[in-house]
Amino acid sequence: MIFHVLTIFPDFFPGILGHGILSRAIRAGLVEVRIHNLRDWAADRHKTVDDRPFGGGEGMLLKPEPIFDAVETVLPERGVGRKVILLSAQGRVFDQQAARRLVQSDELLLICGRYEGVDERVAEHLADEELAIGDYVLSGGELAAAIVMDAVSRLAPGVVGNEASAVQESFRQDEELGCEILDCPQYTRPADFRGWKIPEVLVSGNHAAIRQWRREAALAKTRRNRPDLLRA
């Protein structure tokens, strides 16, 4: 799987790409990340990629010309396996379902927004999807791109050593309810820490009872922390 990242801050990424699961996936050849400097497609000698918004207003917008030129150069052929994602605070919220959908792609090009935003024609006529990582505003899309790459790449075949680990994690599909729920609470040694003891069922050896407890505990935690998942 190949990630392309279009950014005006290419030096943001080496540290992030040098650690953890994503780093191991890159070294193993399972994932490839190509960082592209948007300023390489600027037309003037000052490498200008932004301008003032029509109609007035605060801040600057990323211009459409360098973004279109960059995307059409990096991904000249688009299709089912090659998608362009615009990362902005105005997009649909990126979640685990989106990660599962995007991992089906062979190549993803992530456009990192900056300043006050991106010319709307990029969202309307160039990007396949516009995604946000939450209902808040960041200074730019670089952090969002790193999050998307991490969440998507760990679902790619072979990236996580234990394939079951990628299924049974913080968000998982509950077949009976037909929606995603949180994972169940997890405990490790010591069994008694400062007087807080683990649920006895976990050391009972009764696997059926453990499975039942885990689902009930997962539902309880979902109702408490993320009731919106159950409403959905």
Protein backbone atom coordinates (compact mmCIF):
# COMPACT_ATOMS: atom_id res chain seq x y z
CA MET A 1 0.00 0.00 0.00
CA ILE A 2 1.30 3.46 -0.93
CA PHE A 3 0.53 6.72 0.87
CA HIS A 4 1.27 10.00 -0.87
CA VAL A 5 1.28 13.10 1.34
CA LEU A 6 1.02 16.55 -0.23
CA THR A 7 2.22 19.18 2.23
CA ILE A 8 4.08 22.48 2.54
CA PHE A 9 5.98 21.06 5.53
CA PRO A 10 7.69 17.87 4.32
CA ASP A 11 10.11 17.94 7.25
CA PHE A 12 7.18 17.26 9.60
CA PHE A 13 7.05 13.55 8.81
CA PRO A 14 10.45 11.80 9.20
CA GLY A 15 10.17 11.59 13.00
CA ILE A 16 6.65 10.17 12.90
CA LEU A 17 7.52 7.66 10.20
CA GLY A 18 10.55 6.45 12.15
CA HIS A 19 8.69 4.83 15.03
CA GLY A 20 6.13 2.17 15.84
CA ILE A 21 4.04 -0.09 13.64
CA LEU A 22 4.12 2.27 10.66
CA SER A 23 7.92 2.35 10.73
CA ARG A 24 8.12 -1.46 10.86
CA ALA A 25 5.62 -1.75 8.01
CA ILE A 26 7.75 0.59 5.88
CA ARG A 27 10.94 -1.34 6.63
CA ALA A 28 9.19 -4.61 5.79
CA GLY A 29 8.00 -3.24 2.45
CA LEU A 30 4.33 -3.61 3.36
CA VAL A 31 3.66 0.14 3.30
CA GLU A 32 5.33 2.93 1.37
CA VAL A 33 5.06 6.63 2.22
CA ARG A 34 6.01 9.28 -0.32
CA ILE A 35 6.13 12.89 0.88
CA HIS A 36 5.56 15.58 -1.77
CA ASN A 37 6.33 19.27 -1.24
CA LEU A 38 3.42 21.32 -2.61
CA ARG A 39 5.79 24.21 -3.31
CA ASP A 40 7.46 22.12 -6.03
CA TRP A 41 4.36 22.84 -8.13
CA ALA A 42 4.26 26.59 -7.47
CA ALA A 43 4.51 28.67 -10.64
CA ASP A 44 6.45 31.71 -9.38
CA ARG A 45 10.01 32.10 -8.12
CA HIS A 46 8.77 32.71 -4.57
CA LYS A 47 7.06 29.30 -4.50
CA THR A 48 3.71 30.88 -3.58
CA VAL A 49 0.94 28.39 -2.80
CA ASP A 50 -1.56 30.65 -0.99
CA ASP A 51 -3.58 33.80 -1.63
CA ARG A 52 -6.28 36.00 -0.07
CA PRO A 53 -9.90 34.79 -0.23
CA PHE A 54 -12.35 36.45 -2.61
CA GLY A 55 -14.95 38.50 -0.77
CA GLY A 56 -12.56 39.40 2.02
CA GLY A 57 -11.92 37.71 5.32
CA GLU A 58 -9.09 36.75 7.60
CA GLY A 59 -6.17 34.56 6.66
CA MET A 60 -5.03 32.94 3.45
CA LEU A 61 -6.20 29.97 1.37
CA LEU A 62 -4.19 27.33 -0.45
CA LYS A 63 -4.49 28.00 -4.18
CA PRO A 64 -6.05 25.40 -6.47
CA GLU A 65 -3.44 25.46 -9.26
CA PRO A 66 -0.48 23.86 -7.45
CA ILE A 67 -2.71 21.29 -5.75
CA PHE A 68 -4.37 20.19 -9.01
CA ASP A 69 -0.99 20.09 -10.78
CA ALA A 70 0.57 18.06 -7.97
CA VAL A 71 -2.25 15.52 -7.74
CA GLU A 72 -2.44 15.08 -11.50
CA THR A 73 1.32 14.51 -11.60
CA VAL A 74 1.53 12.10 -8.66
CA LEU A 75 -1.67 10.18 -9.55
CA PRO A 76 -2.19 10.64 -13.27
CA GLU A 77 -4.56 7.67 -13.30
CA ARG A 78 -7.37 7.54 -10.79
CA GLY A 79 -9.73 4.69 -10.09
CA VAL A 80 -11.12 2.36 -7.45
CA GLY A 81 -7.69 1.60 -6.02
CA ARG A 82 -6.34 5.16 -6.10
CA LYS A 83 -8.07 7.84 -4.04
CA VAL A 84 -7.42 11.48 -3.16
CA ILE A 85 -8.32 12.56 0.38
CA LEU A 86 -8.53 16.21 1.42
CA LEU A 87 -7.89 16.61 5.14
CA SER A 88 -9.82 19.54 6.54
CA ALA A 89 -11.91 20.47 9.57
CA GLN A 90 -14.98 20.61 7.32
CA GLY A 91 -14.86 16.98 6.24
CA ARG A 92 -16.73 13.93 7.47
CA VAL A 93 -15.22 12.58 10.66
CA PHE A 94 -12.61 9.89 10.07
CA ASP A 95 -13.44 6.76 12.06
CA GLN A 96 -12.65 3.05 12.13
CA GLN A 97 -15.17 2.30 9.40
CA ALA A 98 -13.44 4.85 7.17
CA ALA A 99 -10.09 3.23 7.94
CA ARG A 100 -11.46 -0.18 6.91
CA ARG A 101 -12.78 1.32 3.69
CA LEU A 102 -9.56 3.15 2.81
CA VAL A 103 -7.32 0.14 3.42
CA GLN A 104 -8.92 -1.45 0.35
CA SER A 105 -7.08 1.13 -1.79
CA ASP A 106 -3.71 0.53 -3.41
CA GLU A 107 -2.70 4.20 -3.23
CA LEU A 108 -4.00 7.09 -1.12
CA LEU A 109 -3.00 10.69 -1.71
CA LEU A 110 -3.54 12.85 1.39
CA ILE A 111 -3.78 16.61 0.85
CA CYS A 112 -2.77 18.52 3.98
CA GLY A 113 -4.76 21.73 4.35
CA ARG A 114 -3.17 24.84 5.89
CA TYR A 115 -3.90 28.45 6.79
CA GLU A 116 -7.64 29.24 6.71
CA GLY A 117 -8.36 26.34 4.38
CA VAL A 118 -8.19 25.23 0.76
CA ASP A 119 -9.90 26.62 -2.34
CA GLU A 120 -13.28 24.87 -2.45
CA ARG A 121 -12.72 23.66 -6.00
CA VAL A 122 -10.23 21.14 -4.62
CA ALA A 123 -12.98 19.54 -2.52
CA GLU A 124 -15.58 19.77 -5.30
CA HIS A 125 -13.60 18.64 -8.33
CA LEU A 126 -10.38 16.92 -7.22
CA ALA A 127 -10.74 15.07 -3.90
CA ASP A 128 -12.67 11.81 -3.67
CA GLU A 129 -13.36 12.44 0.00
CA GLU A 130 -12.97 15.27 2.52
CA LEU A 131 -12.13 13.97 5.98
CA ALA A 132 -11.58 15.45 9.44
CA ILE A 133 -10.10 13.63 12.41
CA GLY A 134 -12.46 15.34 14.85
CA ASP A 135 -14.72 18.29 15.52
CA TYR A 136 -11.91 20.74 16.17
CA VAL A 137 -9.48 22.89 14.18
CA LEU A 138 -5.80 22.10 13.74
CA SER A 139 -3.12 24.38 12.32
CA GLY A 140 -2.78 22.05 9.36
CA GLY A 141 -3.49 18.62 7.97
CA GLU A 142 -0.10 17.09 8.72
CA LEU A 143 -1.13 15.65 12.09
CA ALA A 144 -4.35 14.38 10.52
CA ALA A 145 -2.38 12.71 7.71
CA ALA A 146 -0.17 10.93 10.24
CA ILE A 147 -3.24 9.67 12.10
CA VAL A 148 -4.92 8.42 8.94
CA MET A 149 -1.76 6.62 7.80
CA ASP A 150 -1.33 4.94 11.18
CA ALA A 151 -4.98 3.86 11.50
CA VAL A 152 -5.22 2.59 7.92
CA SER A 153 -1.83 0.90 7.65
CA ARG A 154 -2.34 -1.23 10.77
CA LEU A 155 -5.29 -2.84 8.99
CA ALA A 156 -3.20 -3.78 5.94
CA PRO A 157 -2.35 -7.51 5.67
CA GLY A 158 0.82 -8.43 7.54
CA VAL A 159 1.35 -5.07 9.26
CA VAL A 160 0.09 -6.16 12.69
CA GLY A 161 1.81 -9.41 13.65
CA ASN A 162 -1.28 -10.90 15.30
CA GLU A 163 -4.07 -10.47 12.75
CA ALA A 164 -6.70 -10.98 15.45
CA SER A 165 -5.30 -7.98 17.30
CA ALA A 166 -6.42 -5.67 14.50
CA VAL A 167 -9.94 -7.04 14.77
CA GLN A 168 -10.32 -7.16 18.55
CA GLU A 169 -9.23 -3.63 19.43
CA SER A 170 -10.73 -0.35 20.58
CA PHE A 171 -13.52 -0.37 17.98
CA ARG A 172 -15.02 -3.61 16.79
CA GLN A 173 -18.16 -4.65 14.96
CA ASP A 174 -20.80 -6.29 17.10
CA GLU A 175 -22.66 -8.66 14.80
CA GLU A 176 -25.68 -9.03 17.06
CA LEU A 177 -26.27 -5.28 17.36
CA GLY A 178 -25.10 -4.46 13.84
CA CYS A 179 -22.95 -1.54 14.97
CA GLU A 180 -19.49 -0.80 16.31
CA ILE A 181 -18.86 -0.94 20.04
CA LEU A 182 -15.82 -0.26 22.18
CA ASP A 183 -13.53 -3.07 23.22
CA CYS A 184 -13.99 -4.55 26.68
CA PRO A 185 -11.88 -3.39 29.63
CA GLN A 186 -8.50 -5.14 29.82
CA TYR A 187 -6.40 -6.06 32.88
CA THR A 188 -2.90 -7.41 33.49
CA ARG A 189 -0.75 -8.34 36.48
CA PRO A 190 -0.86 -7.74 39.39
CA ALA A 191 -4.36 -9.07 39.95
CA ASP A 192 -4.65 -6.91 43.09
CA PHE A 193 -3.27 -3.37 42.71
CA ARG A 194 -3.77 -1.00 45.64
CA GLY A 195 -6.83 -2.95 46.64
CA TRP A 196 -8.40 -2.78 43.17
CA LYS A 197 -8.92 -6.38 42.09
CA ILE A 198 -9.58 -7.66 38.61
CA PRO A 199 -12.97 -9.30 37.89
CA GLU A 200 -12.78 -12.86 39.19
CA VAL A 201 -14.32 -14.30 36.04
CA LEU A 202 -11.11 -13.49 34.13
CA VAL A 203 -9.15 -16.04 36.17
CA SER A 204 -11.95 -18.59 36.38
CA GLY A 205 -10.83 -20.61 33.37
CA ASN A 206 -14.45 -20.62 32.14
CA HIS A 207 -14.01 -19.34 28.59
CA ALA A 208 -17.72 -19.10 27.87
CA ALA A 209 -18.24 -17.00 30.98
CA ILE A 210 -15.26 -14.83 30.07
CA ARG A 211 -16.65 -14.20 26.57
CA GLN A 212 -20.03 -13.27 28.05
CA TRP A 213 -18.44 -10.94 30.61
CA ARG A 214 -16.29 -9.26 27.96
CA ARG A 215 -19.27 -8.48 25.72
CA GLU A 216 -21.37 -7.19 28.62
CA ALA A 217 -18.46 -5.07 29.86
CA ALA A 218 -17.84 -3.75 26.34
CA LEU A 219 -21.50 -2.74 26.00
CA ALA A 220 -21.44 -1.07 29.41
CA LYS A 221 -18.32 0.92 28.53
CA THR A 222 -19.81 1.91 25.17
CA ARG A 223 -23.01 3.14 26.86
CA ARG A 224 -20.90 5.12 29.32
CA ASN A 225 -18.26 6.63 27.00
CA ARG A 226 -19.69 6.47 23.47
CA PRO A 227 -23.51 6.16 23.51
CA ASP A 228 -23.53 7.71 20.04
CA LEU A 229 -22.18 4.43 18.63
CA LEU A 230 -25.20 2.54 19.92
CA ARG A 231 -27.63 5.23 18.71
CA ALA A 232 -26.08 5.00 15.26
